[in-house]
Protein backbone atom coordinates (compact mmCIF):
# COMPACT_ATOMS: atom_id res chain seq x y z
CA MET A 1 -67.21 -79.98 -75.04
CA ASN A 2 -68.96 -78.10 -77.83
CA PHE A 3 -70.38 -75.62 -75.34
CA LEU A 4 -66.89 -74.00 -74.96
CA ILE A 5 -66.62 -73.14 -78.64
CA SER A 6 -69.08 -70.60 -79.98
CA ASN A 7 -70.32 -70.64 -83.52
CA ALA A 8 -68.88 -68.12 -86.00
CA TYR A 9 -71.51 -66.62 -88.24
CA GLY A 10 -70.66 -64.65 -91.39
CA GLN A 11 -71.80 -61.08 -91.95
CA GLY A 12 -74.29 -60.13 -94.62
CA ALA A 13 -73.19 -59.31 -98.15
CA ALA A 14 -71.51 -55.93 -98.67
CA GLY A 15 -73.80 -53.41 -100.30
CA ALA A 16 -73.91 -49.80 -101.40
CA ALA A 17 -74.09 -48.59 -97.80
CA ASP A 18 -70.60 -49.96 -97.10
CA THR A 19 -69.18 -48.18 -100.16
CA PHE A 20 -70.71 -44.87 -99.07
CA GLY A 21 -69.49 -45.47 -95.53
CA PHE A 22 -65.95 -45.85 -96.90
CA LEU A 23 -65.98 -42.90 -99.30
CA LEU A 24 -67.40 -40.36 -96.86
CA PRO A 25 -64.48 -40.50 -94.37
CA MET A 26 -61.96 -40.50 -97.24
CA ALA A 27 -63.54 -37.34 -98.68
CA ALA A 28 -63.53 -35.72 -95.24
CA ILE A 29 -59.84 -36.52 -94.79
CA PHE A 30 -59.02 -35.02 -98.20
CA ILE A 31 -60.93 -31.84 -97.37
CA VAL A 32 -59.08 -31.48 -94.06
CA PHE A 33 -55.71 -32.04 -95.77
CA TYR A 34 -56.59 -29.48 -98.44
CA PHE A 35 -57.44 -26.72 -95.97
CA LEU A 36 -54.67 -27.48 -93.46
CA LEU A 37 -51.76 -28.40 -95.75
CA ILE A 38 -52.23 -27.85 -99.48
CA ARG A 39 -53.93 -24.43 -99.55
CA PRO A 40 -51.55 -22.67 -97.11
CA GLN A 41 -48.53 -24.04 -99.00
CA GLN A 42 -49.91 -22.73 -102.29
CA LYS A 43 -50.41 -19.29 -100.72
CA ARG A 44 -46.81 -19.23 -99.43
CA GLN A 45 -45.49 -20.32 -102.82
CA LYS A 46 -47.50 -17.64 -104.62
CA ALA A 47 -46.25 -14.96 -102.19
CA HIS A 48 -42.64 -16.06 -102.73
CA VAL A 49 -43.00 -15.93 -106.52
CA GLU A 50 -44.40 -12.39 -106.23
CA LEU A 51 -41.50 -11.42 -103.93
CA VAL A 52 -38.91 -12.72 -106.41
CA GLN A 53 -40.58 -10.97 -109.34
CA ALA A 54 -40.70 -7.65 -107.47
CA LEU A 55 -36.98 -7.79 -106.67
CA SER A 56 -35.03 -4.74 -107.87
CA ALA A 57 -31.61 -3.14 -107.41
CA GLY A 58 -31.28 -1.31 -104.12
CA ASP A 59 -33.50 -3.71 -102.13
CA GLU A 60 -32.12 -5.13 -98.90
CA VAL A 61 -32.78 -8.87 -98.66
CA MET A 62 -32.34 -11.91 -96.45
CA THR A 63 -31.30 -15.14 -98.17
CA THR A 64 -32.36 -18.62 -97.11
CA GLY A 65 -28.84 -19.06 -95.74
CA GLY A 66 -29.30 -16.05 -93.45
CA LEU A 67 -27.16 -13.50 -95.32
CA LEU A 68 -28.27 -9.88 -95.06
CA SER A 69 -27.27 -8.11 -98.24
CA LYS A 70 -28.12 -5.43 -100.76
CA VAL A 71 -29.22 -6.21 -104.32
CA THR A 72 -26.99 -4.53 -106.89
CA ALA A 73 -28.28 -6.17 -110.09
CA VAL A 74 -31.10 -8.49 -111.15
CA SER A 75 -31.27 -10.76 -114.20
CA GLU A 76 -33.86 -13.32 -115.25
CA HIS A 77 -32.72 -16.11 -112.92
CA TYR A 78 -29.95 -14.54 -110.81
CA ALA A 79 -29.42 -11.60 -108.49
CA THR A 80 -26.10 -9.99 -107.60
CA LEU A 81 -25.82 -9.18 -103.91
CA GLU A 82 -23.34 -6.97 -102.10
CA ILE A 83 -22.57 -8.71 -98.80
CA ALA A 84 -19.76 -6.32 -97.78
CA LYS A 85 -18.06 -3.29 -99.28
CA ASP A 86 -16.72 -4.30 -102.73
CA VAL A 87 -17.74 -7.96 -102.14
CA GLU A 88 -20.47 -9.19 -104.47
CA ILE A 89 -21.94 -12.63 -104.99
CA LYS A 90 -24.35 -13.97 -107.58
CA ILE A 91 -27.18 -16.21 -106.37
CA GLN A 92 -30.38 -17.68 -107.73
CA LYS A 93 -33.33 -15.38 -107.15
CA SER A 94 -35.32 -18.22 -105.62
CA SER A 95 -32.90 -18.40 -102.68
CA ILE A 96 -34.00 -14.98 -101.45
CA SER A 97 -36.39 -15.53 -98.57
CA ALA A 98 -37.45 -11.98 -97.65
CA ILE A 99 -37.08 -8.33 -98.50
CA VAL A 100 -36.18 -6.47 -95.30
CA PRO A 101 -36.92 -2.79 -94.60
CA LYS A 102 -34.41 -0.21 -95.85
CA GLY A 103 -31.70 0.53 -93.30
CA THR A 104 -31.71 -2.95 -91.75
CA ILE A 105 -28.13 -3.65 -92.84
CA ASP A 106 -26.86 -0.39 -91.31
CA ALA A 107 -28.71 -1.11 -88.04
CA ALA A 108 -27.33 -4.66 -87.74
């Protein structure tokens, strides 16, 4: 009955080739993640920081909540927005998602 069971032989000892064979795919995966995920996110974050720093009174903006409004005042961390005639709100500057072209509010 021994002919039905095959012998199990162990593999050779792990060497430097196995370590290199493991590190090479890991490095490739990191490089792919860097160029597809990390780098584009850093570019978007840098562009948003520049947008917030360039904010000034009179700009028409879109908030992350979708409000179209006009900037009436800007402080270090906050911006005052006019969302309707004589209706102003104060929000964090980081919640402004885009500066829209002048006249967008009147056209909407």
